[in-house]
Protein backbone atom coordinates (compact mmCIF):
# COMPACT_ATOMS: atom_id res chain seq x y z
CA UNK A 1 115.97 108.19 144.42
CA UNK A 2 113.36 105.47 144.04
CA UNK A 3 111.76 107.39 141.20
CA UNK A 4 115.13 108.01 139.53
CA UNK A 5 115.96 104.33 139.79
CA UNK A 6 112.59 103.50 138.31
CA UNK A 7 113.23 106.00 135.55
CA UNK A 8 116.41 104.21 134.46
CA UNK A 9 114.27 101.15 133.68
CA UNK A 10 111.69 103.05 131.62
CA UNK A 11 110.34 101.20 128.64
CA UNK A 12 111.18 103.31 125.61
CA UNK A 13 108.67 103.11 122.78
CA UNK A 14 110.71 105.55 120.70
CA UNK A 15 114.15 106.76 121.69
CA UNK A 16 114.76 110.35 120.75
CA UNK A 17 117.25 112.01 123.05
CA UNK A 18 119.51 113.22 120.24
CA UNK A 19 117.01 113.69 117.44
CA UNK A 20 115.85 117.13 116.30
CA UNK A 21 112.10 117.22 115.72
CA UNK A 22 110.22 119.10 113.04
CA UNK A 23 107.38 121.44 113.88
CA UNK A 24 104.88 118.89 112.53
CA UNK A 25 105.92 116.36 115.16
CA UNK A 26 104.93 116.05 118.81
CA UNK A 27 106.98 114.42 121.55
CA UNK A 28 104.93 113.01 124.42
CA UNK A 29 106.04 111.60 127.77
CA UNK A 30 103.28 109.21 128.89
CA UNK A 31 102.65 107.07 131.94
CA UNK A 32 99.81 105.23 130.24
CA UNK A 33 100.14 101.71 128.89
CA UNK A 34 100.85 101.89 125.15
CA UNK A 35 97.91 99.59 124.39
CA UNK A 36 95.58 102.27 125.79
CA UNK A 37 97.22 105.42 124.51
CA UNK A 38 98.85 104.56 121.16
CA UNK A 39 95.48 104.15 119.38
CA UNK A 40 94.74 107.76 120.33
CA UNK A 41 98.10 108.95 119.04
CA UNK A 42 97.54 107.11 115.77
CA UNK A 43 94.06 108.60 115.41
CA UNK A 44 95.34 112.13 115.96
CA UNK A 45 98.14 111.60 113.44
CA UNK A 46 95.67 110.36 110.82
CA UNK A 47 93.41 113.36 111.37
CA UNK A 48 96.13 116.02 111.39
CA UNK A 49 99.19 114.61 109.65
CA UNK A 50 101.21 115.33 112.80
CA UNK A 51 103.61 112.55 113.78
CA UNK A 52 103.85 111.56 117.46
CA UNK A 53 106.87 110.07 119.19
CA UNK A 54 106.55 108.97 122.79
CA UNK A 55 108.11 107.19 125.71
CA UNK A 56 106.37 105.41 128.55
CA UNK A 57 107.27 105.44 132.23
CA UNK A 58 105.87 106.21 135.69
CA UNK A 59 104.51 109.74 136.09
CA UNK A 60 107.01 110.76 138.83
CA UNK A 61 109.94 109.54 136.71
CA UNK A 62 108.74 111.41 133.65
CA UNK A 63 108.30 114.62 135.63
CA UNK A 64 111.79 114.15 137.12
CA UNK A 65 113.17 113.75 133.61
CA UNK A 66 111.39 116.90 132.47
CA UNK A 67 112.87 118.83 135.40
CA UNK A 68 116.39 117.53 134.81
CA UNK A 69 116.27 118.23 131.08
CA UNK A 70 115.12 121.81 131.61
CA UNK A 71 115.21 124.00 128.51
CA UNK A 72 116.92 121.22 126.57
CA UNK A 73 113.92 118.91 126.81
CA UNK A 74 112.33 117.58 123.63
CA UNK A 75 109.02 116.96 125.40
CA UNK A 76 105.95 118.84 124.23
CA UNK A 77 103.32 117.12 126.37
CA UNK A 78 103.15 115.12 129.59
CA UNK A 79 100.35 112.56 130.00
CA UNK A 80 100.06 110.89 133.37
CA UNK A 81 97.99 109.69 136.28
CA UNK A 82 97.68 111.30 139.69
CA UNK A 83 96.65 114.88 140.37
CA UNK A 84 99.22 115.20 143.17
CA UNK A 85 102.09 114.71 140.71
CA UNK A 86 100.70 117.34 138.37
CA UNK A 87 100.22 119.74 141.27
CA UNK A 88 103.87 119.31 142.27
CA UNK A 89 105.15 119.75 138.70
CA UNK A 90 103.02 122.85 138.27
CA UNK A 91 104.48 124.38 141.44
CA UNK A 92 107.93 123.85 139.93
CA UNK A 93 106.97 125.74 136.78
CA UNK A 94 107.33 122.73 134.47
CA UNK A 95 104.06 123.32 132.59
CA UNK A 96 102.84 126.12 130.35
CA UNK A 97 99.55 127.88 131.11
CA UNK A 98 97.00 127.17 128.38
CA UNK A 99 94.27 129.72 127.65
CA UNK A 100 91.58 127.68 125.92
CA UNK A 101 87.83 128.06 125.60
CA UNK A 102 87.65 124.42 124.49
CA UNK A 103 89.25 123.19 127.69
CA UNK A 104 87.13 125.53 129.79
CA UNK A 105 84.06 123.99 128.20
CA UNK A 106 85.11 120.33 128.19
CA UNK A 107 86.91 119.92 131.53
CA UNK A 108 85.04 120.54 134.81
CA UNK A 109 86.72 123.10 137.06
CA UNK A 110 87.43 120.63 139.86
CA UNK A 111 89.38 118.36 137.49
CA UNK A 112 92.01 120.82 136.28
CA UNK A 113 94.77 123.08 137.54
CA UNK A 114 93.79 126.35 139.18
CA UNK A 115 96.55 127.85 137.00
CA UNK A 116 95.19 126.27 133.80
CA UNK A 117 98.44 124.43 133.15
CA UNK A 118 97.16 120.85 133.40
CA UNK A 119 93.81 119.31 132.48
CA UNK A 120 92.28 115.90 133.13
CA UNK A 121 90.98 113.96 130.16
CA UNK A 122 89.73 110.90 132.04
CA UNK A 123 88.90 110.01 135.62
CA UNK A 124 88.76 106.85 137.70
CA UNK A 125 86.38 106.29 140.58
CA UNK A 126 87.92 104.87 143.76
CA UNK A 127 85.17 103.26 145.73
CA UNK A 128 84.08 100.31 147.83
CA UNK A 129 83.97 96.71 146.61
CA UNK A 130 82.31 93.96 148.63
CA UNK A 131 81.38 90.28 148.64
CA UNK A 132 77.58 90.03 148.33
CA UNK A 133 77.65 86.66 150.16
CA UNK A 134 79.23 88.29 153.21
CA UNK A 135 78.00 91.89 153.15
CA UNK A 136 74.58 93.45 152.64
CA UNK A 137 74.57 96.65 150.60
CA UNK A 138 72.55 98.27 153.38
CA UNK A 139 75.55 97.87 155.71
CA UNK A 140 77.68 100.17 153.53
CA UNK A 141 77.71 103.95 153.39
CA UNK A 142 81.02 105.80 153.34
CA UNK A 143 84.80 105.55 153.39
CA UNK A 144 84.75 106.69 157.01
CA UNK A 145 82.26 103.97 157.96
CA UNK A 146 84.87 101.35 157.06
CA UNK A 147 86.63 102.45 160.25
CA UNK A 148 83.69 101.19 162.36
CA UNK A 149 84.21 98.18 164.61
CA UNK A 150 81.74 96.07 162.61
CA UNK A 151 84.45 95.76 159.93
CA UNK A 152 87.13 94.47 162.34
CA UNK A 153 89.19 91.82 160.54
CA UNK A 154 87.16 92.23 157.34
CA UNK A 155 88.85 95.05 155.40
CA UNK A 156 91.50 94.95 152.66
CA UNK A 157 93.48 97.99 151.48
CA UNK A 158 96.47 98.83 149.32
CA UNK A 159 99.65 100.07 150.98
CA UNK A 160 100.04 103.65 152.13
CA UNK A 161 102.70 104.19 149.44
CA UNK A 162 100.04 103.88 146.73
CA UNK A 163 99.26 107.22 145.10
CA UNK A 164 95.62 106.11 144.88
CA UNK A 165 95.52 105.60 148.65
CA UNK A 166 97.25 108.89 149.37
CA UNK A 167 94.96 110.80 147.04
CA UNK A 168 91.87 109.44 148.77
CA UNK A 169 93.23 110.35 152.21
CA UNK A 170 94.19 113.83 151.00
CA UNK A 171 90.67 114.44 149.72
CA UNK A 172 89.17 113.17 152.98
CA UNK A 173 91.29 115.80 154.73
CA UNK A 174 89.98 118.41 152.30
CA UNK A 175 86.39 117.39 153.07
CA UNK A 176 86.88 117.46 156.83
CA UNK A 177 90.15 117.98 158.68
CA UNK A 178 93.25 116.13 159.79
CA UNK A 179 91.72 115.04 163.09
CA UNK A 180 88.64 113.34 161.62
CA UNK A 181 90.69 111.80 158.82
CA UNK A 182 93.20 110.53 161.36
CA UNK A 183 90.40 108.72 163.18
CA UNK A 184 89.18 107.20 159.92
CA UNK A 185 92.58 105.96 158.77
CA UNK A 186 93.44 104.61 162.23
CA UNK A 187 90.15 102.71 162.17
CA UNK A 188 90.97 101.27 158.76
CA UNK A 189 94.28 99.97 160.06
CA UNK A 190 92.57 98.32 163.05
CA UNK A 191 90.07 96.64 160.75
CA UNK A 192 92.55 95.10 158.30
CA UNK A 193 92.08 91.41 157.63
CA UNK A 194 95.53 91.06 156.06
CA UNK A 195 98.56 93.32 155.61
CA UNK A 196 98.08 96.04 152.99
CA UNK A 197 98.70 94.78 149.46
CA UNK A 198 100.52 96.33 146.52
CA UNK A 199 97.72 96.71 144.00
CA UNK A 200 93.96 96.69 143.61
CA UNK A 201 93.73 93.33 141.85
CA UNK A 202 95.20 91.74 144.98
CA UNK A 203 92.28 93.22 146.91
CA UNK A 204 89.87 91.71 144.39
CA UNK A 205 91.60 88.34 144.75
CA UNK A 206 91.61 88.54 148.56
CA UNK A 207 87.87 89.26 148.72
CA UNK A 208 87.14 86.53 146.16
CA UNK A 209 89.10 83.99 148.21
CA UNK A 210 87.44 84.95 151.50
CA UNK A 211 90.43 86.64 153.14
CA UNK A 212 88.39 89.80 153.57
CA UNK A 213 84.84 90.95 152.88
CA UNK A 214 85.24 94.54 151.73
CA UNK A 215 87.89 96.83 150.25
CA UNK A 216 88.57 100.00 148.28
CA UNK A 217 89.62 99.87 144.61
CA UNK A 218 89.65 101.81 141.36
CA UNK A 219 86.52 100.92 139.43
CA UNK A 220 88.25 99.78 136.24
CA UNK A 221 89.67 96.78 138.11
CA UNK A 222 86.08 95.68 138.57
CA UNK A 223 85.69 95.75 134.78
CA UNK A 224 88.61 93.34 134.48
CA UNK A 225 87.04 91.07 137.09
CA UNK A 226 83.64 91.06 135.35
CA UNK A 227 85.23 90.12 132.04
CA UNK A 228 86.99 87.14 133.60
CA UNK A 229 84.17 86.17 135.99
CA UNK A 230 80.79 87.43 134.72
CA UNK A 231 78.99 85.75 137.64
CA UNK A 232 81.27 87.07 140.36
CA UNK A 233 79.74 87.63 143.80
CA UNK A 234 81.70 90.86 144.13
CA UNK A 235 80.00 94.19 143.55
CA UNK A 236 80.84 97.91 143.65
CA UNK A 237 79.22 100.30 146.12
CA UNK A 238 79.30 104.03 145.46
CA UNK A 239 80.65 105.64 148.63
CA UNK A 240 79.55 108.87 150.32
CA UNK A 241 76.45 109.42 148.21
CA UNK A 242 74.83 111.35 151.04
CA UNK A 243 77.81 113.64 151.53
CA UNK A 244 80.83 114.54 149.38
CA UNK A 245 80.48 111.78 146.78
CA UNK A 246 82.83 109.16 145.31
CA UNK A 247 86.50 110.08 145.19
CA UNK A 248 87.86 110.34 141.66
CA UNK A 249 91.44 110.67 140.51
CA UNK A 250 92.58 111.62 137.05
CA UNK A 251 94.60 110.97 133.96
CA UNK A 252 95.79 114.40 132.86
CA UNK A 253 97.70 116.23 130.15
CA UNK A 254 99.97 119.27 130.31
CA UNK A 255 102.02 121.23 127.81
CA UNK A 256 105.70 121.43 128.72
CA UNK A 257 106.87 124.92 129.61
CA UNK A 258 109.85 124.38 127.29
CA UNK A 259 107.93 122.95 124.35
CA UNK A 260 109.05 124.37 121.01
CA UNK A 261 105.71 123.39 119.48
CA UNK A 262 103.15 124.81 121.92
CA UNK A 263 100.44 125.60 119.36
CA UNK A 264 100.29 122.00 118.16
CA UNK A 265 100.63 120.69 121.71
CA UNK A 266 97.65 122.77 122.86
CA UNK A 267 95.64 121.50 119.91
CA UNK A 268 96.36 117.92 120.95
CA UNK A 269 95.38 118.52 124.58
CA UNK A 270 92.14 120.15 123.44
CA UNK A 271 91.48 117.28 121.05
CA UNK A 272 91.80 114.74 123.91
CA UNK A 273 88.77 116.28 125.62
CA UNK A 274 86.48 116.16 122.57
CA UNK A 275 83.87 113.49 121.99
CA UNK A 276 85.51 110.90 119.73
CA UNK A 277 88.84 110.69 121.60
CA UNK A 278 86.95 110.58 124.91
CA UNK A 279 84.86 107.66 123.70
CA UNK A 280 87.86 105.83 122.22
CA UNK A 281 90.06 106.15 125.28
CA UNK A 282 87.45 105.34 127.91
CA UNK A 283 86.28 102.28 125.96
CA UNK A 284 89.83 100.95 126.14
CA UNK A 285 90.76 102.00 129.68
CA UNK A 286 87.34 101.54 131.35
CA UNK A 287 87.86 104.91 133.02
CA UNK A 288 85.24 107.67 132.95
CA UNK A 289 85.25 110.54 130.44
CA UNK A 290 85.70 114.04 131.86
CA UNK A 291 83.66 115.75 129.16
CA UNK A 292 80.16 116.05 130.69
CA UNK A 293 78.55 115.43 127.29
CA UNK A 294 80.25 112.04 126.80
CA UNK A 295 78.84 108.83 128.28
CA UNK A 296 81.06 106.12 129.76
CA UNK A 297 81.54 102.80 128.01
CA UNK A 298 78.39 100.67 128.04
CA UNK A 299 80.16 98.07 130.17
CA UNK A 300 80.91 100.74 132.78
CA UNK A 301 77.53 102.47 132.54
CA UNK A 302 75.85 99.23 133.66
CA UNK A 303 77.27 99.75 137.15
CA UNK A 304 74.98 102.73 137.64
CA UNK A 305 75.43 106.44 138.10
CA UNK A 306 76.99 108.09 141.13
CA UNK A 307 77.66 111.52 142.57
CA UNK A 308 81.38 112.30 142.55
CA UNK A 309 83.44 114.42 144.90
CA UNK A 310 83.62 117.86 143.29
CA UNK A 311 86.22 119.32 145.59
CA UNK A 312 89.18 120.61 143.53
CA UNK A 313 91.34 117.57 142.80
CA UNK A 314 94.54 119.61 143.10
CA UNK A 315 94.04 119.39 146.87
CA UNK A 316 95.38 115.83 146.69
CA UNK A 317 98.75 117.49 146.04
CA UNK A 318 98.23 120.51 148.27
CA UNK A 319 97.44 118.22 151.25
CA UNK A 320 100.39 115.91 150.68
CA UNK A 321 102.27 116.77 153.90
CA UNK A 322 99.12 116.44 155.99
CA UNK A 323 98.42 113.09 154.32
CA UNK A 324 101.86 111.73 155.16
CA UNK A 325 101.40 112.87 158.76
CA UNK A 326 98.06 111.04 159.03
CA UNK A 327 99.58 107.88 157.52
CA UNK A 328 102.50 107.92 159.94
CA UNK A 329 100.37 108.53 163.01
CA UNK A 330 97.99 105.73 162.02
CA UNK A 331 100.93 103.35 161.59
CA UNK A 332 99.56 102.59 158.14
CA UNK A 333 102.15 100.49 156.29
C-alpha cells in the first residue's frame, strides 16, 4: 500500500495513458532523476530518430504499475535502481528475456538476471566512510568489523527500510549465512551513535558534525560532499578487500514482457551498455560503469580502485525473507 500511495504522487514528465504510440517511439518507466537520465534519452533520439516518452517514479511503484496494467501497458522499458526489485518483477514474469551478444559482452554475469531479462548499466559502491580526525584507516577492514565493540557509540547507519541497507545485508547472507550475518547486524545496532537516519547524506552530515565517527554510504554521496567541501576530513574506505569485496548495487534496464516494440527496446538497452552512453551517464550520476572497458569519471577514479563483490547480485532479492528475519531479530529500526 505504501508503494501504491507513493505511486499516486509520481512526477509525470510526459503523460501518456491514453495515447497510442508509433513503432518509432519508446515509452520508458524510469526511477532515475530526469536530470541524470533525460540527456541519455535525448542522445539516443538524436542518433536513431526514435522519440522517447517517459515518466519518473520510485522503482517499486513503477513495477506495481506495470503489473496492474498487464497486457494494456504502454511501457517498453523499465529503468530502475535495486536488484531486489528487478528480481521480484522477473519472478512475476513482467520482463521479456533478451538474447543479446552485446549484453553478454558488456554486462558482467554477476550484474544481470540469471534469466537474461534484466541487465545493469551502472553500479554504485556501498562502502565505509570515516572521519580521518577520529579514525585511522588501519582500524578499518570490513562491514562485519563495524560490529566490534571498539565502534560502540561511534557508528551511523540508514534505517532498515532502506533498499540499500537491505541489499547489503542480503549479500552478507549470501557470502556467509544467516547466523553470522545476524551477529554482524546485531553488533551494528549496539554500536549506533544515533538512531538510524533516512538517507546517506544524513550520515555524511552526522559524521561531519561529530555525532558519529564512521558509517556506510553509497559512494556517489561522497562525490557530492567533495564538491561542496573539497577539504573535508571525511574519506571513503573500501570494505572487505581481503575477502568478498565491496558491495555494489545497480541501476538496471529491462524490456517489458508486453512491449509492442521489443526490437527497438532491446536496441536501447544494448546501447546503454556501450561506451559513449556509459561515459555520459556515469559522469552525471557519479556511479560506476558496468562495461569493463569503460573507466569511471575522473572525479570518481581519484578515490582509487577496489575489488567488488562478484556474487550474483540477484541474491539481494532471493535472500529477501532471510534479510527481513535478520533485521527483525536484531531489532534494527
